[in-house]
Protein backbone atom coordinates (compact mmCIF):
# COMPACT_ATOMS: atom_id res chain seq x y z
CA MET A 1 -1.48 23.10 210.53
CA LEU A 2 1.72 21.51 211.83
CA SER A 3 1.67 18.83 209.14
CA ASN A 4 2.25 21.49 206.46
CA ILE A 5 5.41 22.81 208.15
CA ARG A 6 8.78 21.48 207.02
CA PHE A 7 12.20 22.07 208.52
CA VAL A 8 14.95 22.26 205.90
CA LEU A 9 18.56 21.70 206.99
CA ILE A 10 21.13 22.87 204.46
CA ASN A 11 24.55 21.26 204.05
CA THR A 12 24.66 20.06 207.67
CA SER A 13 28.20 18.97 208.61
CA HIS A 14 27.57 16.91 211.75
CA PRO A 15 25.06 14.03 211.53
CA GLY A 16 24.43 14.35 215.27
CA ASN A 17 22.84 17.73 214.63
CA ILE A 18 20.39 16.14 212.20
CA GLY A 19 19.36 13.64 214.87
CA ALA A 20 19.03 16.37 217.50
CA VAL A 21 16.80 18.43 215.19
CA ALA A 22 14.64 15.34 214.56
CA ARG A 23 14.24 14.90 218.32
CA ALA A 24 13.34 18.58 218.78
CA MET A 25 10.74 18.32 216.04
CA LYS A 26 9.09 15.18 217.40
CA ASN A 27 8.93 16.70 220.90
CA MET A 28 6.72 19.44 219.41
CA SER A 29 4.58 17.34 217.01
CA LEU A 30 6.50 18.28 213.85
CA HIS A 31 7.46 15.52 211.43
CA ASP A 32 8.45 16.87 208.01
CA LEU A 33 12.27 17.02 207.79
CA HIS A 34 14.11 17.82 204.55
CA LEU A 35 17.89 17.74 204.10
CA VAL A 36 19.80 19.56 201.37
CA THR A 37 23.20 17.97 200.57
CA PRO A 38 24.00 16.75 204.10
CA LYS A 39 27.69 15.89 204.54
CA ASN A 40 27.04 12.51 206.19
CA PHE A 41 23.58 10.96 206.28
CA PRO A 42 22.30 8.42 207.18
CA ASN A 43 24.66 7.93 210.09
CA ALA A 44 24.68 6.17 213.47
CA ASP A 45 25.37 9.46 215.26
CA ALA A 46 22.17 10.90 213.83
CA THR A 47 20.19 7.91 215.07
CA ALA A 48 21.78 8.09 218.52
CA ARG A 49 21.05 11.81 218.93
CA ALA A 50 17.47 11.36 217.69
CA SER A 51 16.75 9.41 220.91
CA GLY A 52 13.60 7.74 219.65
CA ALA A 53 12.74 10.07 216.79
CA ASP A 54 13.92 7.40 214.35
CA ASP A 55 10.74 7.72 212.30
CA ILE A 56 11.57 11.37 211.54
CA LEU A 57 14.98 10.33 210.23
CA ALA A 58 13.59 7.39 208.28
CA ASN A 59 11.10 9.65 206.49
CA ALA A 60 13.49 12.58 205.99
CA LYS A 61 13.80 13.59 202.34
CA VAL A 62 17.27 14.30 200.93
CA HIS A 63 17.64 16.83 198.09
CA GLN A 64 20.52 17.90 195.90
CA SER A 65 19.34 21.53 195.79
CA LEU A 66 17.38 23.98 197.91
CA ASP A 67 15.04 24.64 194.97
CA ALA A 68 13.94 21.00 195.06
CA ALA A 69 13.37 21.07 198.82
CA ILE A 70 11.06 24.10 198.80
CA SER A 71 9.54 24.14 195.30
CA GLU A 72 5.97 23.48 196.50
CA CYS A 73 6.08 25.89 199.47
CA SER A 74 4.33 29.26 199.45
CA LEU A 75 6.11 30.74 202.47
CA VAL A 76 9.83 30.39 203.21
CA ILE A 77 11.47 31.71 206.37
CA GLY A 78 15.22 31.67 206.91
CA THR A 79 16.94 31.54 210.29
CA SER A 80 19.89 33.91 210.63
CA ALA A 81 22.03 35.33 213.43
CA ARG A 82 23.78 37.85 211.17
CA LEU A 83 22.69 41.23 209.86
CA ARG A 84 22.82 41.42 206.06
CA SER A 85 23.83 44.19 203.68
CA ILE A 86 20.32 44.11 202.19
CA ALA A 87 17.78 44.03 204.99
CA TRP A 88 15.06 41.36 204.92
CA PRO A 89 11.83 41.72 206.91
CA GLN A 90 12.62 40.20 210.31
CA LEU A 91 10.59 38.28 212.86
CA ASP A 92 11.28 37.00 216.33
CA PRO A 93 10.38 33.33 217.03
CA ARG A 94 6.90 34.18 218.36
CA GLN A 95 6.05 36.35 215.35
CA CYS A 96 7.48 33.63 213.12
CA ALA A 97 5.16 31.04 214.65
CA GLU A 98 2.12 33.25 214.03
CA GLN A 99 3.05 33.81 210.37
CA VAL A 100 3.83 30.14 209.79
CA LEU A 101 0.67 28.81 211.39
CA SER A 102 -1.51 31.26 209.48
CA ALA A 103 0.00 30.21 206.15
CA SER A 104 0.16 26.49 206.95
CA ARG A 105 -3.61 26.26 207.29
CA HIS A 106 -3.75 26.26 203.51
CA GLN A 107 -0.30 25.69 202.01
CA LYS A 108 3.13 24.29 202.74
CA VAL A 109 5.69 26.35 204.64
CA ALA A 110 9.46 25.88 204.92
CA ILE A 111 11.80 27.05 207.66
CA LEU A 112 15.45 27.02 206.60
CA PHE A 113 18.41 26.27 208.86
CA GLY A 114 21.87 26.91 207.42
CA ARG A 115 25.34 25.50 207.94
CA GLU A 116 26.70 25.19 211.46
CA HIS A 117 29.55 27.65 210.91
CA SER A 118 28.26 30.07 208.27
CA GLY A 119 24.47 29.87 208.17
CA LEU A 120 22.58 30.68 204.97
CA THR A 121 24.15 32.21 201.89
CA ASN A 122 22.71 35.30 200.21
CA LEU A 123 21.56 33.12 197.30
CA GLU A 124 19.62 30.94 199.74
CA LEU A 125 18.16 34.01 201.44
CA ASP A 126 16.88 35.17 198.04
CA HIS A 127 14.17 32.51 198.44
CA CYS A 128 13.04 33.80 201.84
CA HIS A 129 10.05 36.01 202.56
CA TYR A 130 11.26 36.69 206.12
CA LEU A 131 14.22 36.10 208.40
CA VAL A 132 13.69 34.89 211.95
CA ARG A 133 16.28 35.97 214.51
CA ILE A 134 16.36 34.49 218.00
CA PRO A 135 17.18 37.22 220.53
CA THR A 136 20.43 36.25 222.24
CA ASP A 137 23.28 37.90 224.09
CA PRO A 138 24.93 40.14 221.46
CA ASP A 139 28.36 39.11 222.76
CA PHE A 140 27.60 35.42 222.24
CA SER A 141 24.85 35.15 219.65
CA SER A 142 25.68 31.91 217.83
CA LEU A 143 23.25 29.06 218.49
CA ASN A 144 23.72 25.40 217.64
CA VAL A 145 21.36 24.47 214.80
CA ALA A 146 19.52 21.97 217.01
CA SER A 147 19.05 24.60 219.73
CA ALA A 148 17.62 27.02 217.18
CA ALA A 149 15.31 24.30 215.87
CA GLN A 150 14.11 23.52 219.40
CA ILE A 151 13.21 27.16 220.08
CA ILE A 152 11.32 27.55 216.79
CA SER A 153 9.58 24.18 217.31
CA TYR A 154 8.47 25.19 220.81
CA GLU A 155 6.97 28.47 219.60
CA LEU A 156 5.11 26.65 216.83
CA ARG A 157 3.75 24.13 219.33
CA VAL A 158 2.58 26.82 221.75
CA ALA A 159 0.99 28.89 218.97
CA SER A 160 -0.84 25.83 217.65
CA GLN A 161 -2.31 25.16 221.12
CA TYR A 162 -3.43 28.76 221.63
CA PRO A 163 -4.27 30.11 218.17
CA SER A 164 -4.76 33.84 217.78
CA SER A 165 -8.39 34.93 217.57
CA ASP A 166 -7.59 37.03 214.50
CA THR A 167 -5.95 34.19 212.56
CA PRO A 168 -7.63 34.15 209.12
CA THR A 169 -9.70 31.12 208.20
CA SER A 170 -9.19 31.53 204.45
CA MET A 171 -6.39 32.71 202.21
CA GLU A 172 -6.00 33.41 198.53
CA GLN A 173 -3.87 30.80 196.80
CA LEU A 174 -0.32 32.12 197.01
CA THR A 175 2.35 31.28 194.47
CA THR A 176 4.79 28.49 195.25
CA VAL A 177 8.55 28.92 195.19
CA GLU A 178 8.67 27.04 191.88
CA GLU A 179 6.14 29.40 190.27
CA THR A 180 7.89 32.46 191.68
CA GLU A 181 11.29 31.34 190.41
CA LEU A 182 9.88 31.01 186.89
CA PHE A 183 8.63 34.59 187.16
CA TYR A 184 12.01 35.88 188.38
CA THR A 185 13.77 34.18 185.47
CA GLU A 186 11.34 35.68 182.98
CA LEU A 187 11.56 39.12 184.65
CA GLU A 188 15.36 39.13 184.53
CA ASN A 189 15.39 38.09 180.87
CA VAL A 190 12.97 40.87 179.90
CA LEU A 191 14.91 43.49 181.89
CA VAL A 192 18.06 42.48 180.02
CA GLU A 193 16.26 42.52 176.67
CA ILE A 194 14.92 46.06 177.21
CA GLU A 195 18.41 47.10 178.42
CA PHE A 196 17.28 47.99 181.91
CA LEU A 197 19.81 45.45 183.19
CA ASN A 198 23.31 45.47 181.77
CA PRO A 199 24.37 41.89 180.95
CA GLU A 200 28.00 43.00 181.02
CA SER A 201 27.77 44.13 184.64
CA PRO A 202 26.93 40.92 186.53
CA LYS A 203 27.53 42.45 189.95
CA HIS A 204 25.02 45.27 189.36
CA ARG A 205 22.59 42.84 187.73
CA LYS A 206 22.72 40.46 190.70
CA ARG A 207 22.31 43.29 193.22
CA LEU A 208 19.27 44.74 191.47
CA MET A 209 17.60 41.35 191.04
CA ARG A 210 18.14 40.67 194.74
CA ARG A 211 16.32 43.89 195.59
CA LEU A 212 13.47 43.03 193.22
CA ARG A 213 13.21 39.58 194.78
CA ARG A 214 13.01 41.15 198.20
CA LEU A 215 10.25 43.49 197.01
CA PHE A 216 8.06 40.74 195.56
CA ASN A 217 8.79 38.33 198.42
CA ARG A 218 7.64 40.96 200.88
CA ILE A 219 4.34 41.36 199.00
CA ARG A 220 3.81 37.57 198.75
CA LEU A 221 1.99 37.40 195.43
CA ASN A 222 -1.08 35.29 194.89
CA ARG A 223 -1.62 33.46 191.61
CA ASN A 224 -3.94 36.08 190.12
CA GLU A 225 -1.36 38.79 190.77
CA MET A 226 1.39 36.61 189.33
CA ASN A 227 -0.64 36.04 186.17
CA ILE A 228 -1.07 39.82 185.78
CA LEU A 229 2.68 40.42 186.10
CA ARG A 230 3.56 37.67 183.66
CA GLY A 231 0.98 39.07 181.27
CA ILE A 232 2.72 42.46 181.47
CA LEU A 233 6.06 40.83 180.64
CA THR A 234 4.47 39.06 177.68
CA ALA A 235 3.00 42.36 176.45
CA ILE A 236 6.39 44.08 176.72
CA ARG A 237 7.96 41.35 174.65
CA GLY A 238 5.17 41.56 172.09
CA ARG A 239 5.45 45.36 171.73
CA ARG A 240 9.20 45.14 171.21
CA GLY A 241 9.02 42.09 168.97
CA ILE A 242 11.20 40.14 171.40
């Protein structure tokens, strides 16, 4: 289960934080580290802070986009300390571990960690099925990225040692991020073509698509359901001669 779990660090500024996350992961038997446009990597500070988790750093995969880092994952969870204008389904670290371990029995799962000073953008959150929030003192809620990674790693390790008795042993094949993004692109194009979305009002268009993404991400479509939805879009286009 743990081998299907990847930690994705986005635009990390300080290489020491990358090394500290690698150390936290190895402490808890996690090994799959992905980096999206790190500011400075590889770097001696990362190696020093890894304190023996050099193999995690050596095997870390660097990507130029978040899409590339999570394209094959079926479940994506974002870490966030801030409340958002559009609410995402939220988990605490223990609930997060249960969700992740259940999904990782069959498919790949990504947990996203944002920038040290600003976290994840709304565009990055559009990819997430859930947000995980670590309960902290409301007057001092900001956690270092490595500290957050250590807490999440620990909960995953504990949950893997004491699996829930009601954890499912089988799961329908869920869509990957790559497959879902193709659907969202097709959906947006059709909604513009039937004039449900106004192409001349980009702000309204973006807001509505974000809400639709949140709806479908919450459902977590399997491939049969996705094929039905894409078939509906194809039929709409055919009826309208699009």
